[in-house]
PDB file of N, CA and C in Angstrom:
ATOM      1  N   MET A   1      -0.280 -21.534  31.977  1.00  0.00           N
ATOM      2  CA  MET A   1       0.318 -20.872  30.892  1.00  0.00           C
ATOM      3  C   MET A   1       1.938 -20.613  31.312  1.00  0.00           C
ATOM      4  N   THR A   2       2.133 -21.158  30.354  1.00  0.00           N
ATOM      5  CA  THR A   2       4.032 -21.834  30.815  1.00  0.00           C
ATOM      6  C   THR A   2       4.934 -21.085  29.813  1.00  0.00           C
ATOM      7  N   ILE A   3       6.175 -20.555  30.396  1.00  0.00           N
ATOM      8  CA  ILE A   3       7.214 -20.256  29.630  1.00  0.00           C
ATOM      9  C   ILE A   3       8.010 -21.069  28.264  1.00  0.00           C
ATOM     10  N   GLN A   4       6.721 -22.123  28.365  1.00  0.00           N
ATOM     11  CA  GLN A   4       7.603 -22.600  26.445  1.00  0.00           C
ATOM     12  C   GLN A   4       6.075 -22.835  26.598  1.00  0.00           C
ATOM     13  N   GLN A   5       5.414 -22.181  26.455  1.00  0.00           N
ATOM     14  CA  GLN A   5       3.998 -22.204  25.850  1.00  0.00           C
ATOM     15  C   GLN A   5       4.227 -20.724  25.243  1.00  0.00           C
ATOM     16  N   VAL A   6       4.358 -19.916  25.477  1.00  0.00           N
ATOM     17  CA  VAL A   6       4.367 -18.479  25.172  1.00  0.00           C
ATOM     18  C   VAL A   6       5.631 -18.705  24.239  1.00  0.00           C
ATOM     19  N   GLN A   7       6.605 -19.364  25.175  1.00  0.00           N
ATOM     20  CA  GLN A   7       7.607 -19.045  23.171  1.00  0.00           C
ATOM     21  C   GLN A   7       7.132 -19.631  21.985  1.00  0.00           C
ATOM     22  N   ALA A   8       6.421 -20.377  22.183  1.00  0.00           N
ATOM     23  CA  ALA A   8       5.825 -21.488  21.021  1.00  0.00           C
ATOM     24  C   ALA A   8       4.769 -20.609  20.005  1.00  0.00           C
ATOM     25  N   GLN A   9       4.442 -19.296  21.249  1.00  0.00           N
ATOM     26  CA  GLN A   9       3.727 -18.377  20.159  1.00  0.00           C
ATOM     27  C   GLN A   9       3.539 -18.156  19.483  1.00  0.00           C
ATOM     28  N   ARG A  10       4.538 -17.405  20.165  1.00  0.00           N
ATOM     29  CA  ARG A  10       5.484 -16.039  19.814  1.00  0.00           C
ATOM     30  C   ARG A  10       6.396 -16.537  18.805  1.00  0.00           C
ATOM     31  N   GLU A  11       7.270 -18.224  18.421  1.00  0.00           N
ATOM     32  CA  GLU A  11       7.497 -17.816  17.559  1.00  0.00           C
ATOM     33  C   GLU A  11       6.270 -18.650  16.210  1.00  0.00           C
ATOM     34  N   ARG A  12       5.836 -19.238  15.964  1.00  0.00           N
ATOM     35  CA  ARG A  12       4.517 -18.964  15.534  1.00  0.00           C
ATOM     36  C   ARG A  12       4.325 -18.134  14.746  1.00  0.00           C
ATOM     37  N   ILE A  13       3.549 -17.203  15.933  1.00  0.00           N
ATOM     38  CA  ILE A  13       4.278 -15.317  15.529  1.00  0.00           C
ATOM     39  C   ILE A  13       5.288 -15.150  14.175  1.00  0.00           C
ATOM     40  N   ARG A  14       5.945 -14.521  15.227  1.00  0.00           N
ATOM     41  CA  ARG A  14       7.549 -14.705  14.072  1.00  0.00           C
ATOM     42  C   ARG A  14       7.221 -15.187  13.294  1.00  0.00           C
ATOM     43  N   ARG A  15       7.716 -16.634  13.009  1.00  0.00           N
ATOM     44  CA  ARG A  15       7.495 -17.876  11.118  1.00  0.00           C
ATOM     45  C   ARG A  15       5.779 -17.032  10.379  1.00  0.00           C
ATOM     46  N   ALA A  16       4.603 -16.926  10.789  1.00  0.00           N
ATOM     47  CA  ALA A  16       3.671 -16.573  10.067  1.00  0.00           C
ATOM     48  C   ALA A  16       4.378 -15.345   9.698  1.00  0.00           C
ATOM     49  N   ALA A  17       4.070 -13.935  10.251  1.00  0.00           N
ATOM     50  CA  ALA A  17       4.580 -13.396  10.036  1.00  0.00           C
ATOM     51  C   ALA A  17       5.586 -12.636   8.549  1.00  0.00           C
ATOM     52  N   GLY A  18       6.777 -13.374   8.546  1.00  0.00           N
ATOM     53  CA  GLY A  18       7.652 -13.275   8.277  1.00  0.00           C
ATOM     54  C   GLY A  18       7.476 -14.072   6.459  1.00  0.00           C
ATOM     55  N   LEU A  19       6.037 -15.766   6.674  1.00  0.00           N
ATOM     56  CA  LEU A  19       5.824 -16.213   5.670  1.00  0.00           C
ATOM     57  C   LEU A  19       4.779 -15.094   4.615  1.00  0.00           C
ATOM     58  N   LEU A  20       3.975 -13.688   5.364  1.00  0.00           N
ATOM     59  CA  LEU A  20       3.083 -13.731   5.189  1.00  0.00           C
ATOM     60  C   LEU A  20       3.935 -11.804   4.876  1.00  0.00           C
ATOM     61  N   ALA A  21       5.072 -10.901   5.052  1.00  0.00           N
ATOM     62  CA  ALA A  21       5.338 -10.364   4.237  1.00  0.00           C
ATOM     63  C   ALA A  21       5.754 -10.687   3.057  1.00  0.00           C
ATOM     64  N   VAL A  22       7.262 -12.108   3.154  1.00  0.00           N
ATOM     65  CA  VAL A  22       6.905 -12.419   1.641  1.00  0.00           C
ATOM     66  C   VAL A  22       6.166 -12.854   0.880  1.00  0.00           C
ATOM     67  N   GLU A  23       4.913 -13.204   1.337  1.00  0.00           N
ATOM     68  CA  GLU A  23       3.812 -13.446   0.344  1.00  0.00           C
ATOM     69  C   GLU A  23       3.086 -12.120  -0.333  1.00  0.00           C
ATOM     70  N   HIS A  24       3.497 -10.703   0.908  1.00  0.00           N
ATOM     71  CA  HIS A  24       3.110  -9.302   0.665  1.00  0.00           C
ATOM     72  C   HIS A  24       4.018  -9.027  -0.911  1.00  0.00           C
ATOM     73  N   HIS A  25       5.188  -8.948  -0.464  1.00  0.00           N
ATOM     74  CA  HIS A  25       6.366  -8.889  -1.645  1.00  0.00           C
ATOM     75  C   HIS A  25       6.041  -9.332  -2.407  1.00  0.00           C
ATOM     76  N   ALA A  26       6.121 -10.823  -2.647  1.00  0.00           N
ATOM     77  CA  ALA A  26       5.492 -10.821  -4.006  1.00  0.00           C
ATOM     78  C   ALA A  26       3.982 -11.394  -4.770  1.00  0.00           C
ATOM     79  N   ALA A  27       3.077 -10.486  -3.944  1.00  0.00           N
ATOM     80  CA  ALA A  27       1.933  -9.628  -4.518  1.00  0.00           C
ATOM     81  C   ALA A  27       2.601  -8.728  -4.457  1.00  0.00           C
ATOM     82  N   GLY A  28       2.699  -7.257  -4.224  1.00  0.00           N
ATOM     83  CA  GLY A  28       3.328  -6.823  -4.760  1.00  0.00           C
ATOM     84  C   GLY A  28       2.290  -5.558  -3.389  1.00  0.00           C
ATOM     85  N   THR A  29       1.955  -5.910  -2.397  1.00  0.00           N
ATOM     86  CA  THR A  29       1.967  -5.498  -1.617  1.00  0.00           C
ATOM     87  C   THR A  29       3.107  -4.840  -0.241  1.00  0.00           C
ATOM     88  N   THR A  30       3.394  -5.016  -0.374  1.00  0.00           N
ATOM     89  CA  THR A  30       4.436  -4.789   0.478  1.00  0.00           C
ATOM     90  C   THR A  30       4.308  -2.671   0.496  1.00  0.00           C
ATOM     91  N   PRO A  31       4.022  -2.573   2.118  1.00  0.00           N
ATOM     92  CA  PRO A  31       3.339  -0.802   2.223  1.00  0.00           C
ATOM     93  C   PRO A  31       4.703  -0.547   1.548  1.00  0.00           C
ATOM     94  N   ASP A  32       5.142   0.457   1.124  1.00  0.00           N
ATOM     95  CA  ASP A  32       5.462   1.684   0.206  1.00  0.00           C
ATOM     96  C   ASP A  32       6.860   1.415   1.386  1.00  0.00           C
ATOM     97  N   GLY A  33       7.666   1.769   1.322  1.00  0.00           N
ATOM     98  CA  GLY A  33       9.157   2.254   1.783  1.00  0.00           C
ATOM     99  C   GLY A  33       9.667   0.691   2.947  1.00  0.00           C
ATOM    100  N   MET A  34       8.604   0.626   3.047  1.00  0.00           N
ATOM    101  CA  MET A  34       8.982  -1.266   3.953  1.00  0.00           C
ATOM    102  C   MET A  34       9.897  -1.898   3.141  1.00  0.00           C
ATOM    103  N   THR A  35      10.718  -2.626   3.286  1.00  0.00           N
ATOM    104  CA  THR A  35      10.673  -4.114   2.908  1.00  0.00           C
ATOM    105  C   THR A  35      10.558  -5.383   3.337  1.00  0.00           C
ATOM    106  N   ILE A  36      10.910  -5.890   3.073  1.00  0.00           N
ATOM    107  CA  ILE A  36      10.760  -7.217   4.091  1.00  0.00           C
ATOM    108  C   ILE A  36      10.239  -7.969   4.880  1.00  0.00           C
ATOM    109  N   LYS A  37      11.610  -8.054   5.192  1.00  0.00           N
ATOM    110  CA  LYS A  37      11.845  -7.737   6.748  1.00  0.00           C
ATOM    111  C   LYS A  37      10.884  -7.061   7.222  1.00  0.00           C
ATOM    112  N   SER A  38      11.039  -5.426   7.832  1.00  0.00           N
ATOM    113  CA  SER A  38      10.616  -4.402   8.761  1.00  0.00           C
ATOM    114  C   SER A  38       9.067  -5.005   8.095  1.00  0.00           C
ATOM    115  N   HIS A  39       8.677  -5.394   7.459  1.00  0.00           N
ATOM    116  CA  HIS A  39       6.888  -5.505   6.671  1.00  0.00           C
ATOM    117  C   HIS A  39       7.236  -6.710   7.951  1.00  0.00           C
ATOM    118  N   ALA A  40       7.552  -7.260   7.917  1.00  0.00           N
ATOM    119  CA  ALA A  40       7.759  -9.210   9.098  1.00  0.00           C
ATOM    120  C   ALA A  40       7.067  -8.596  10.437  1.00  0.00           C
ATOM    121  N   ALA A  41       8.044  -7.659  10.624  1.00  0.00           N
ATOM    122  CA  ALA A  41       8.090  -7.080  11.602  1.00  0.00           C
ATOM    123  C   ALA A  41       7.212  -6.095  12.588  1.00  0.00           C
ATOM    124  N   SER A  42       7.160  -5.644  11.420  1.00  0.00           N
ATOM    125  CA  SER A  42       5.267  -5.063  12.105  1.00  0.00           C
ATOM    126  C   SER A  42       4.477  -5.751  12.606  1.00  0.00           C
ATOM    127  N   ILE A  43       4.494  -7.238  10.925  1.00  0.00           N
ATOM    128  CA  ILE A  43       3.381  -8.442  11.074  1.00  0.00           C
ATOM    129  C   ILE A  43       3.916  -8.736  12.619  1.00  0.00           C
ATOM    130  N   TYR A  44       4.455  -9.100  12.872  1.00  0.00           N
ATOM    131  CA  TYR A  44       5.233  -9.618  14.496  1.00  0.00           C
ATOM    132  C   TYR A  44       4.449  -8.701  15.701  1.00  0.00           C
ATOM    133  N   ASP A  45       5.020  -7.403  15.018  1.00  0.00           N
ATOM    134  CA  ASP A  45       5.165  -5.930  16.820  1.00  0.00           C
ATOM    135  C   ASP A  45       2.962  -6.388  16.591  1.00  0.00           C
ATOM    136  N   ASP A  46       1.996  -6.395  15.237  1.00  0.00           N
ATOM    137  CA  ASP A  46       0.702  -5.653  15.732  1.00  0.00           C
ATOM    138  C   ASP A  46       0.035  -7.807  16.088  1.00  0.00           C
ATOM    139  N   GLY A  47       0.872  -7.965  15.719  1.00  0.00           N
ATOM    140  CA  GLY A  47       0.476  -9.601  16.864  1.00  0.00           C
ATOM    141  C   GLY A  47       0.380 -10.002  17.413  1.00  0.00           C
ATOM    142  N   ILE A  48       1.685 -10.077  18.432  1.00  0.00           N
ATOM    143  CA  ILE A  48       1.990  -9.728  19.779  1.00  0.00           C
ATOM    144  C   ILE A  48       0.839  -8.812  20.437  1.00  0.00           C
ATOM    145  N   HIS A  49       1.110  -7.268  19.944  1.00  0.00           N
ATOM    146  CA  HIS A  49      -0.167  -5.751  20.745  1.00  0.00           C
ATOM    147  C   HIS A  49      -1.476  -6.610  20.634  1.00  0.00           C
ATOM    148  N   GLN A  50      -1.814  -7.294  19.664  1.00  0.00           N
ATOM    149  CA  GLN A  50      -3.260  -8.100  20.138  1.00  0.00           C
ATOM    150  C   GLN A  50      -2.676  -8.840  20.673  1.00  0.00           C
ATOM    151  N   ALA A  51      -2.216  -9.770  21.056  1.00  0.00           N
ATOM    152  CA  ALA A  51      -2.424 -11.027  22.365  1.00  0.00           C
ATOM    153  C   ALA A  51      -2.490 -10.103  23.908  1.00  0.00           C
ATOM    154  N   GLU A  52      -1.243  -9.572  23.380  1.00  0.00           N
ATOM    155  CA  GLU A  52      -1.660  -8.257  25.159  1.00  0.00           C
ATOM    156  C   GLU A  52      -2.693  -7.890  25.266  1.00  0.00           C
ATOM    157  N   ASN A  53      -3.598  -7.397  24.132  1.00  0.00           N
ATOM    158  CA  ASN A  53      -3.998  -6.681  25.307  1.00  0.00           C
ATOM    159  C   ASN A  53      -5.981  -6.978  24.109  1.00  0.00           C
ATOM    160  N   THR A  54      -5.527  -8.748  24.437  1.00  0.00           N
ATOM    161  CA  THR A  54      -6.515  -8.997  24.643  1.00  0.00           C
ATOM    162  C   THR A  54      -6.732  -9.563  25.950  1.00  0.00           C
ATOM    163  N   ALA A  55      -5.826 -10.126  25.196  1.00  0.00           N
ATOM    164  CA  ALA A  55      -5.410 -11.059  27.588  1.00  0.00           C
ATOM    165  C   ALA A  55      -5.469  -9.741  28.383  1.00  0.00           C
ATOM    166  N   GLY A  56      -4.893  -8.455  28.343  1.00  0.00           N
ATOM    167  CA  GLY A  56      -5.120  -7.722  29.104  1.00  0.00           C
ATOM    168  C   GLY A  56      -6.435  -6.975  29.621  1.00  0.00           C
ATOM    169  N   THR A  57      -7.250  -7.532  28.527  1.00  0.00           N
ATOM    170  CA  THR A  57      -8.860  -7.881  28.679  1.00  0.00           C
ATOM    171  C   THR A  57      -9.037  -8.340  29.793  1.00  0.00           C
ATOM    172  N   GLY A  58      -9.252  -9.507  29.874  1.00  0.00           N
ATOM    173  CA  GLY A  58      -9.074 -10.550  30.383  1.00  0.00           C
ATOM    174  C   GLY A  58      -9.988 -12.229  29.367  1.00  0.00           C
ATOM    175  N   ALA A  59     -10.546 -12.009  28.341  1.00  0.00           N
ATOM    176  CA  ALA A  59     -11.366 -12.252  27.174  1.00  0.00           C
ATOM    177  C   ALA A  59     -10.878 -13.960  27.160  1.00  0.00           C
ATOM    178  N   MET A  60      -9.373 -13.960  26.966  1.00  0.00           N
ATOM    179  CA  MET A  60      -9.008 -14.550  27.425  1.00  0.00           C
ATOM    180  C   MET A  60      -7.669 -15.064  27.897  1.00  0.00           C
ATOM    181  N   THR A  61      -6.728 -15.831  27.513  1.00  0.00           N
ATOM    182  CA  THR A  61      -4.949 -15.708  28.518  1.00  0.00           C
ATOM    183  C   THR A  61      -4.352 -15.710  26.929  1.00  0.00           C
ATOM    184  N   TRP A  62      -3.122 -14.734  27.492  1.00  0.00           N
ATOM    185  CA  TRP A  62      -1.963 -14.590  26.252  1.00  0.00           C
ATOM    186  C   TRP A  62      -2.308 -15.240  24.930  1.00  0.00           C
ATOM    187  N   VAL A  63      -1.817 -16.676  25.982  1.00  0.00           N
ATOM    188  CA  VAL A  63      -2.102 -17.852  25.005  1.00  0.00           C
ATOM    189  C   VAL A  63      -2.959 -18.590  23.973  1.00  0.00           C
ATOM    190  N   ALA A  64      -3.654 -18.214  24.462  1.00  0.00           N
ATOM    191  CA  ALA A  64      -4.612 -18.779  23.907  1.00  0.00           C
ATOM    192  C   ALA A  64      -5.556 -17.529  22.503  1.00  0.00           C
ATOM    193  N   ALA A  65      -5.353 -16.340  22.201  1.00  0.00           N
ATOM    194  CA  ALA A  65      -5.162 -15.507  22.255  1.00  0.00           C
ATOM    195  C   ALA A  65      -3.829 -15.493  20.777  1.00  0.00           C
ATOM    196  N   ALA A  66      -2.208 -15.317  21.090  1.00  0.00           N
ATOM    197  CA  ALA A  66      -1.174 -16.012  20.675  1.00  0.00           C
ATOM    198  C   ALA A  66      -1.944 -17.002  19.647  1.00  0.00           C
ATOM    199  N   GLU A  67      -2.423 -17.725  19.604  1.00  0.00           N
ATOM    200  CA  GLU A  67      -2.586 -19.431  18.496  1.00  0.00           C
ATOM    201  C   GLU A  67      -3.853 -18.772  17.882  1.00  0.00           C
ATOM    202  N   LEU A  68      -4.711 -18.077  18.410  1.00  0.00           N
ATOM    203  CA  LEU A  68      -5.590 -17.917  17.541  1.00  0.00           C
ATOM    204  C   LEU A  68      -5.048 -17.094  16.322  1.00  0.00           C
ATOM    205  N   ILE A  69      -4.146 -15.703  16.619  1.00  0.00           N
ATOM    206  CA  ILE A  69      -3.062 -14.760  16.039  1.00  0.00           C
ATOM    207  C   ILE A  69      -2.858 -15.577  14.666  1.00  0.00           C
ATOM    208  N   ALA A  70      -1.797 -16.970  15.390  1.00  0.00           N
ATOM    209  CA  ALA A  70      -0.852 -17.269  14.592  1.00  0.00           C
ATOM    210  C   ALA A  70      -1.546 -18.426  13.763  1.00  0.00           C
ATOM    211  N   ASN A  71      -3.064 -18.577  13.811  1.00  0.00           N
ATOM    212  CA  ASN A  71      -3.239 -19.872  13.410  1.00  0.00           C
ATOM    213  C   ASN A  71      -3.824 -18.500  11.639  1.00  0.00           C
ATOM    214  N   THR A  72      -4.255 -17.407  12.314  1.00  0.00           N
ATOM    215  CA  THR A  72      -4.644 -16.720  11.030  1.00  0.00           C
ATOM    216  C   THR A  72      -3.937 -15.875  10.164  1.00  0.00           C
ATOM    217  N   TYR A  73      -2.278 -15.984  10.712  1.00  0.00           N
ATOM    218  CA  TYR A  73      -1.713 -15.406   9.758  1.00  0.00           C
ATOM    219  C   TYR A  73      -1.657 -15.854   8.894  1.00  0.00           C
ATOM    220  N   GLU A  74      -1.135 -17.785  10.294  1.00  0.00           N
ATOM    221  CA  GLU A  74      -1.106 -19.049   8.488  1.00  0.00           C
ATOM    222  C   GLU A  74      -2.187 -18.905   7.924  1.00  0.00           C
ATOM    223  N   GLN A  75      -3.268 -19.327   8.758  1.00  0.00           N
ATOM    224  CA  GLN A  75      -4.691 -19.290   6.819  1.00  0.00           C
ATOM    225  C   GLN A  75      -4.302 -18.341   5.937  1.00  0.00           C
ATOM    226  N   LEU A  76      -3.780 -17.249   6.002  1.00  0.00           N
ATOM    227  CA  LEU A  76      -4.029 -16.073   5.244  1.00  0.00           C
ATOM    228  C   LEU A  76      -2.638 -16.133   4.383  1.00  0.00           C
ATOM    229  N   VAL A  77      -1.650 -16.780   5.050  1.00  0.00           N
ATOM    230  CA  VAL A  77      -0.296 -16.775   4.533  1.00  0.00           C
ATOM    231  C   VAL A  77      -1.416 -17.925   3.242  1.00  0.00           C
ATOM    232  N   ASN A  78      -1.873 -19.399   3.640  1.00  0.00           N
ATOM    233  CA  ASN A  78      -1.988 -20.802   2.729  1.00  0.00           C
ATOM    234  C   ASN A  78      -2.982 -19.160   1.486  1.00  0.00           C
ATOM    235  N   ASP A  79      -3.644 -19.081   2.098  1.00  0.00           N
ATOM    236  CA  ASP A  79      -4.543 -18.244   1.296  1.00  0.00           C
ATOM    237  C   ASP A  79      -3.755 -17.311  -0.195  1.00  0.00           C
ATOM    238  N   MET A  80      -2.954 -16.771   0.789  1.00  0.00           N
ATOM    239  CA  MET A  80      -2.789 -15.764  -0.897  1.00  0.00           C
ATOM    240  C   MET A  80      -1.547 -16.898  -1.495  1.00  0.00           C
ATOM    241  N   GLN A  81      -0.957 -17.951  -0.707  1.00  0.00           N
ATOM    242  CA  GLN A  81      -0.603 -19.182  -1.533  1.00  0.00           C
ATOM    243  C   GLN A  81      -1.138 -19.517  -2.953  1.00  0.00           C
ATOM    244  N   LYS A  82      -2.518 -20.218  -2.483  1.00  0.00           N
ATOM    245  CA  LYS A  82      -3.350 -20.550  -3.324  1.00  0.00           C
ATOM    246  C   LYS A  82      -3.899 -19.544  -4.090  1.00  0.00           C
ATOM    247  N   ALA A  83      -4.231 -18.034  -3.631  1.00  0.00           N
ATOM    248  CA  ALA A  83      -4.755 -16.990  -5.028  1.00  0.00           C
ATOM    249  C   ALA A  83      -3.602 -16.949  -6.507  1.00  0.00           C
ATOM    250  N   GLY A  84      -1.802 -17.504  -5.825  1.00  0.00           N
ATOM    251  CA  GLY A  84      -0.926 -16.975  -6.309  1.00  0.00           C
ATOM    252  C   GLY A  84      -1.315 -18.388  -7.724  1.00  0.00           C
ATOM    253  N   ARG A  85      -1.718 -19.398  -6.874  1.00  0.00           N
ATOM    254  CA  ARG A  85      -1.159 -20.570  -8.263  1.00  0.00           C
ATOM    255  C   ARG A  85      -2.465 -20.572  -9.630  1.00  0.00           C
ATOM    256  N   PRO A  86      -1.550 -21.219 -10.467  1.00  0.00           N
ATOM    257  CA  PRO A  86      -2.119 -21.033 -11.638  1.00  0.00           C
ATOM    258  C   PRO A  86      -3.964 -21.506 -12.222  1.00  0.00           C
TER     259      PRO A  86
END
């Protein structure tokens, strides 16, 4: 696991978290009292926390866990965008 791999997955999670927060806002499902920015930060923090916990258990490397989380976030964004189309 290289620093570049970690940085790349962190950026993927950050980008996907932001897009997911925007989609939630468009769907009217942003948690009460949260801005899009704070919701994106919350989603990002949760993703990083999940990757750290998964790596801590030895189930997989941090990069592998983060990649799965980023893939899931990106798929959720895709699904929400498709659902919003007429």
